[in-house]
Amino acid sequence: MTSKKSPRLLDSFNFAFEGIVHTLRAERNMRLHFLIAATVMTLAIVADVSKIELIALLISITFVLITEMINTAIEAAVDLSTTEIHPLAKLAKDIAAGAVLIAAINALAVGYLVFSGKTANRAAKAIDHVRDVPSELAIVAFVLTVIAVIAVKALTGSGTALRGGMPSGHAAVAFAGWIVVTYVAGEDHRFLASAVVLILALLVAQTRLEAGVHTTWELVAGALLGALLTMAIFQLAGV
C-alpha cells in the first residue's frame, strides 16, 4: 500500500491561486470587488492617506474579498451535497451572503471615514462656483446622456435604449445624477450628498449586473459616459 504524499509548499500556493482565479472567473461580484478595491487603492495614493488609514482600508478590503470567497466555497459545497431545494441549504447560502454584506457595509463605513475629510475640502473648492447652477442645466445633462447612450448603441448595434448592450443606459443616467448632485449640493452637505448618491448609482449598476442584463465592462462604460459627459456640460456652461 502506497501512502498518499502531502502536497509540496509550491503546490499549495498554486492551489490557492487557482481558487482565487476561479472565483474571479466565475463570480461577477468578486470581479466587482476587485475593481472597487483597485479604485480605493488609487484614491488612497491620490489622497495621501496616513499609514494607519491605509491599514484600515487594506483590512476592510481583505475582509470583503475573504468573505466573498468563503461564500463561493459554501455555495459550491451545498450544491455538491444536495440537488434538492432544502431549507437548510438555503439558510447556509443566506448566512454566507449575509457575511459578505456585513463586510461590505464595514468597508463602506471605513472608506467614508478615511476619505470624507480628505476629499470634502478639495471637492468644495473645485465646484464652489457652480453651487447655484440652474436646474435646467441638470435636465440638459440627463437628456444629452440618454441621447449619447442611444447613439453609441446605434453605432454598436447592441441592445435597446435602456436595456442591454454597450454602454449601460441605467448606469449612465445613475452616474450622471451623481455628478449633478455633487455639483449642486450645498457646501455643508456636499460630500455626504455626493457619497449617498454614488452608493445608489453603484447599487443601480449592481442590480443590472445581477439581472444579467449587462456585463461589467458595459456598466463601467455607461458610468464613465454619464459621469464625464455631465461633468463636461457643467464645465462648458461655466456657471
Protein backbone atom coordinates (compact mmCIF):
# COMPACT_ATOMS: atom_id res chain seq x y z
CA MET A 1 0.00 0.00 0.00
CA THR A 2 1.40 3.36 -1.05
CA SER A 3 1.00 6.32 1.23
CA LYS A 4 -0.54 9.50 -0.10
CA LYS A 5 2.03 12.24 -0.33
CA SER A 6 1.29 15.65 1.12
CA PRO A 7 1.36 18.46 -1.43
CA ARG A 8 4.54 20.45 -1.67
CA LEU A 9 4.57 24.04 -0.45
CA LEU A 10 4.68 25.33 -4.02
CA ASP A 11 1.72 23.14 -4.94
CA SER A 12 -0.24 24.54 -2.01
CA PHE A 13 0.37 28.07 -3.24
CA ASN A 14 -0.66 27.05 -6.75
CA PHE A 15 -3.90 25.54 -5.46
CA ALA A 16 -4.61 28.72 -3.51
CA PHE A 17 -4.04 30.91 -6.58
CA GLU A 18 -6.25 28.59 -8.64
CA GLY A 19 -9.02 29.19 -6.10
CA ILE A 20 -8.63 32.95 -6.42
CA VAL A 21 -8.56 32.82 -10.22
CA HIS A 22 -11.62 30.55 -10.32
CA THR A 23 -13.57 32.90 -8.08
CA LEU A 24 -12.65 35.85 -10.30
CA ARG A 25 -13.73 33.99 -13.42
CA ALA A 26 -16.93 32.50 -12.03
CA GLU A 27 -18.24 35.23 -9.72
CA ARG A 28 -19.23 38.64 -11.06
CA ASN A 29 -19.39 40.03 -7.54
CA MET A 30 -15.75 39.11 -6.98
CA ARG A 31 -14.72 40.96 -10.13
CA LEU A 32 -16.68 43.99 -8.93
CA HIS A 33 -14.99 43.80 -5.52
CA PHE A 34 -11.56 43.70 -7.16
CA LEU A 35 -12.43 46.70 -9.35
CA ILE A 36 -13.61 48.68 -6.31
CA ALA A 37 -10.51 47.63 -4.37
CA ALA A 38 -8.24 48.89 -7.16
CA THR A 39 -10.17 52.18 -7.26
CA VAL A 40 -9.91 52.63 -3.49
CA MET A 41 -6.16 51.96 -3.54
CA THR A 42 -5.73 54.52 -6.31
CA LEU A 43 -7.71 57.08 -4.32
CA ALA A 44 -5.62 56.29 -1.25
CA ILE A 45 -2.47 57.21 -3.17
CA VAL A 46 -4.01 60.40 -4.56
CA ALA A 47 -5.40 61.46 -1.17
CA ASP A 48 -2.08 60.66 0.57
CA VAL A 49 -3.67 58.71 3.42
CA SER A 50 -1.73 58.02 6.59
CA LYS A 51 -0.24 54.62 7.44
CA ILE A 52 -3.00 53.77 9.93
CA GLU A 53 -5.68 54.79 7.40
CA LEU A 54 -4.07 52.61 4.75
CA ILE A 55 -4.00 49.68 7.20
CA ALA A 56 -7.72 50.16 7.90
CA LEU A 57 -8.50 50.22 4.16
CA LEU A 58 -6.42 47.10 3.46
CA ILE A 59 -8.04 45.16 6.30
CA SER A 60 -11.53 46.16 5.14
CA ILE A 61 -10.81 45.24 1.51
CA THR A 62 -9.27 41.91 2.51
CA PHE A 63 -12.26 41.18 4.76
CA VAL A 64 -14.67 41.69 1.85
CA LEU A 65 -12.63 39.51 -0.53
CA ILE A 66 -12.25 36.71 2.01
CA THR A 67 -15.95 36.61 2.86
CA GLU A 68 -16.84 36.58 -0.85
CA MET A 69 -14.54 33.60 -1.42
CA ILE A 70 -15.96 31.77 1.63
CA ASN A 71 -19.45 32.49 0.32
CA THR A 72 -18.50 30.97 -3.04
CA ALA A 73 -16.97 27.91 -1.34
CA ILE A 74 -20.09 27.36 0.79
CA GLU A 75 -22.35 27.65 -2.25
CA ALA A 76 -20.24 25.07 -4.12
CA ALA A 77 -20.23 22.70 -1.13
CA VAL A 78 -24.00 22.98 -0.69
CA ASP A 79 -24.64 22.42 -4.40
CA LEU A 80 -22.39 19.35 -4.31
CA SER A 81 -24.07 17.84 -1.24
CA THR A 82 -27.66 18.17 -2.44
CA THR A 83 -29.67 18.92 -5.54
CA GLU A 84 -32.87 19.47 -3.55
CA ILE A 85 -34.27 22.86 -2.57
CA HIS A 86 -33.80 22.26 1.13
CA PRO A 87 -34.47 24.97 3.78
CA LEU A 88 -31.11 24.29 5.45
CA ALA A 89 -29.26 24.62 2.14
CA LYS A 90 -30.93 27.97 1.56
CA LEU A 91 -30.12 29.02 5.12
CA ALA A 92 -26.43 28.20 4.67
CA LYS A 93 -26.25 30.26 1.48
CA ASP A 94 -28.18 33.16 3.02
CA ILE A 95 -25.90 33.28 6.07
CA ALA A 96 -22.80 33.27 3.86
CA ALA A 97 -24.25 36.07 1.72
CA GLY A 98 -25.07 37.99 4.90
CA ALA A 99 -21.43 37.77 5.96
CA VAL A 100 -20.40 39.39 2.67
CA LEU A 101 -22.98 42.14 3.19
CA ILE A 102 -21.67 42.93 6.68
CA ALA A 103 -18.10 43.06 5.36
CA ALA A 104 -19.15 45.37 2.51
CA ILE A 105 -21.03 47.73 4.86
CA ASN A 106 -17.99 47.86 7.13
CA ALA A 107 -15.75 48.65 4.14
CA LEU A 108 -18.07 51.47 3.09
CA ALA A 109 -18.01 52.92 6.60
CA VAL A 110 -14.21 52.75 6.78
CA GLY A 111 -13.89 54.28 3.31
CA TYR A 112 -16.18 57.14 4.27
CA LEU A 113 -14.29 57.84 7.49
CA VAL A 114 -10.93 57.80 5.70
CA PHE A 115 -11.81 59.85 2.63
CA SER A 116 -14.52 62.23 3.86
CA GLY A 117 -12.21 64.75 5.48
CA LYS A 118 -9.54 64.50 2.78
CA THR A 119 -11.78 64.94 -0.24
CA ALA A 120 -14.54 67.18 1.10
CA ASN A 121 -12.41 70.33 1.13
CA ARG A 122 -10.88 69.66 -2.28
CA ALA A 123 -14.27 68.94 -3.83
CA ALA A 124 -15.76 72.06 -2.23
CA LYS A 125 -13.03 74.31 -3.64
CA ALA A 126 -13.26 72.74 -7.08
CA ILE A 127 -17.00 73.27 -7.56
CA ASP A 128 -17.98 76.20 -5.34
CA HIS A 129 -18.53 78.38 -8.40
CA VAL A 130 -21.42 76.19 -9.63
CA ARG A 131 -23.32 75.83 -6.35
CA ASP A 132 -26.23 77.89 -7.66
CA VAL A 133 -26.40 76.17 -11.03
CA PRO A 134 -29.88 76.35 -12.64
CA SER A 135 -31.99 73.20 -12.66
CA GLU A 136 -32.36 73.49 -16.45
CA LEU A 137 -28.70 72.54 -16.83
CA ALA A 138 -29.28 69.29 -14.91
CA ILE A 139 -32.16 68.42 -17.24
CA VAL A 140 -29.96 69.13 -20.27
CA ALA A 141 -27.29 66.83 -18.81
CA PHE A 142 -29.75 63.95 -18.38
CA VAL A 143 -31.22 64.41 -21.87
CA LEU A 144 -27.82 64.53 -23.55
CA THR A 145 -26.70 61.49 -21.58
CA VAL A 146 -29.67 59.46 -22.84
CA ILE A 147 -29.07 60.70 -26.40
CA ALA A 148 -25.40 59.72 -26.16
CA VAL A 149 -26.32 56.24 -24.90
CA ILE A 150 -28.77 55.73 -27.76
CA ALA A 151 -26.21 56.99 -30.28
CA VAL A 152 -23.49 54.63 -29.06
CA LYS A 153 -25.88 51.68 -29.03
CA ALA A 154 -26.98 52.56 -32.56
CA LEU A 155 -23.36 52.60 -33.70
CA THR A 156 -22.53 49.31 -31.99
CA GLY A 157 -25.86 47.71 -32.90
CA SER A 158 -26.36 46.29 -29.41
CA GLY A 159 -29.29 46.44 -27.02
CA THR A 160 -32.07 48.99 -26.80
CA ALA A 161 -32.11 52.50 -25.32
CA LEU A 162 -32.22 51.39 -21.68
CA ARG A 163 -31.84 47.62 -21.84
CA GLY A 164 -28.76 45.62 -22.70
CA GLY A 165 -25.86 46.43 -24.93
CA MET A 166 -22.87 48.74 -24.78
CA PRO A 167 -23.00 51.02 -22.81
CA SER A 168 -25.46 50.61 -19.94
CA GLY A 169 -28.12 53.32 -20.07
CA HIS A 170 -29.12 52.80 -16.44
CA ALA A 171 -25.53 53.21 -15.27
CA ALA A 172 -25.06 56.29 -17.47
CA VAL A 173 -28.14 58.05 -16.06
CA ALA A 174 -27.37 56.99 -12.48
CA PHE A 175 -23.81 58.31 -12.59
CA ALA A 176 -24.94 61.46 -14.41
CA GLY A 177 -27.24 62.02 -11.43
CA TRP A 178 -24.29 61.54 -9.10
CA ILE A 179 -22.33 64.30 -10.84
CA VAL A 180 -25.37 66.62 -10.88
CA VAL A 181 -25.89 66.21 -7.12
CA THR A 182 -22.17 66.70 -6.49
CA TYR A 183 -22.24 70.00 -8.35
CA VAL A 184 -25.47 71.46 -6.98
CA ALA A 185 -25.31 70.33 -3.33
CA GLY A 186 -24.60 72.98 -0.71
CA GLU A 187 -21.09 73.24 0.70
CA ASP A 188 -22.08 71.98 4.16
CA HIS A 189 -23.64 68.76 2.86
CA ARG A 190 -21.90 68.29 -0.48
CA PHE A 191 -19.71 65.32 0.41
CA LEU A 192 -22.46 63.44 2.24
CA ALA A 193 -24.99 64.01 -0.57
CA SER A 194 -22.45 63.00 -3.21
CA ALA A 195 -21.46 59.86 -1.29
CA VAL A 196 -25.08 58.76 -0.81
CA VAL A 197 -25.95 59.24 -4.50
CA LEU A 198 -22.75 57.47 -5.55
CA ILE A 199 -23.74 54.46 -3.45
CA LEU A 200 -27.21 54.50 -5.05
CA ALA A 201 -25.62 54.67 -8.51
CA LEU A 202 -23.41 51.69 -7.67
CA LEU A 203 -26.47 49.77 -6.46
CA VAL A 204 -28.24 50.52 -9.76
CA ALA A 205 -25.24 49.11 -11.62
CA GLN A 206 -25.16 46.09 -9.30
CA THR A 207 -28.82 45.25 -9.99
CA ARG A 208 -28.18 45.32 -13.75
CA LEU A 209 -25.20 43.04 -13.27
CA GLU A 210 -27.12 40.63 -11.06
CA ALA A 211 -30.01 40.52 -13.53
CA GLY A 212 -27.60 39.52 -16.28
CA VAL A 213 -28.67 42.47 -18.45
CA HIS A 214 -25.16 43.94 -18.69
CA THR A 215 -21.56 42.85 -18.35
CA THR A 216 -19.14 44.59 -16.01
CA TRP A 217 -17.50 46.48 -18.87
CA GLU A 218 -20.84 47.67 -20.25
CA LEU A 219 -21.65 49.08 -16.81
CA VAL A 220 -18.23 50.72 -16.49
CA ALA A 221 -18.62 52.26 -19.96
CA GLY A 222 -22.08 53.60 -19.07
CA ALA A 223 -20.87 55.02 -15.76
CA LEU A 224 -17.94 56.78 -17.41
CA LEU A 225 -20.11 58.11 -20.23
CA GLY A 226 -22.74 59.56 -17.88
CA ALA A 227 -20.26 61.00 -15.37
CA LEU A 228 -17.78 62.51 -17.84
CA LEU A 229 -20.44 63.90 -20.18
CA THR A 230 -22.31 65.56 -17.32
CA MET A 231 -19.09 66.94 -15.88
CA ALA A 232 -18.17 68.37 -19.30
CA ILE A 233 -21.59 70.02 -19.65
CA PHE A 234 -21.26 71.75 -16.28
CA GLN A 235 -17.73 72.88 -17.06
CA LEU A 236 -18.67 74.22 -20.50
CA ALA A 237 -21.65 76.07 -19.01
CA GLY A 238 -19.21 77.99 -16.83
CA VAL A 239 -21.76 78.77 -14.14
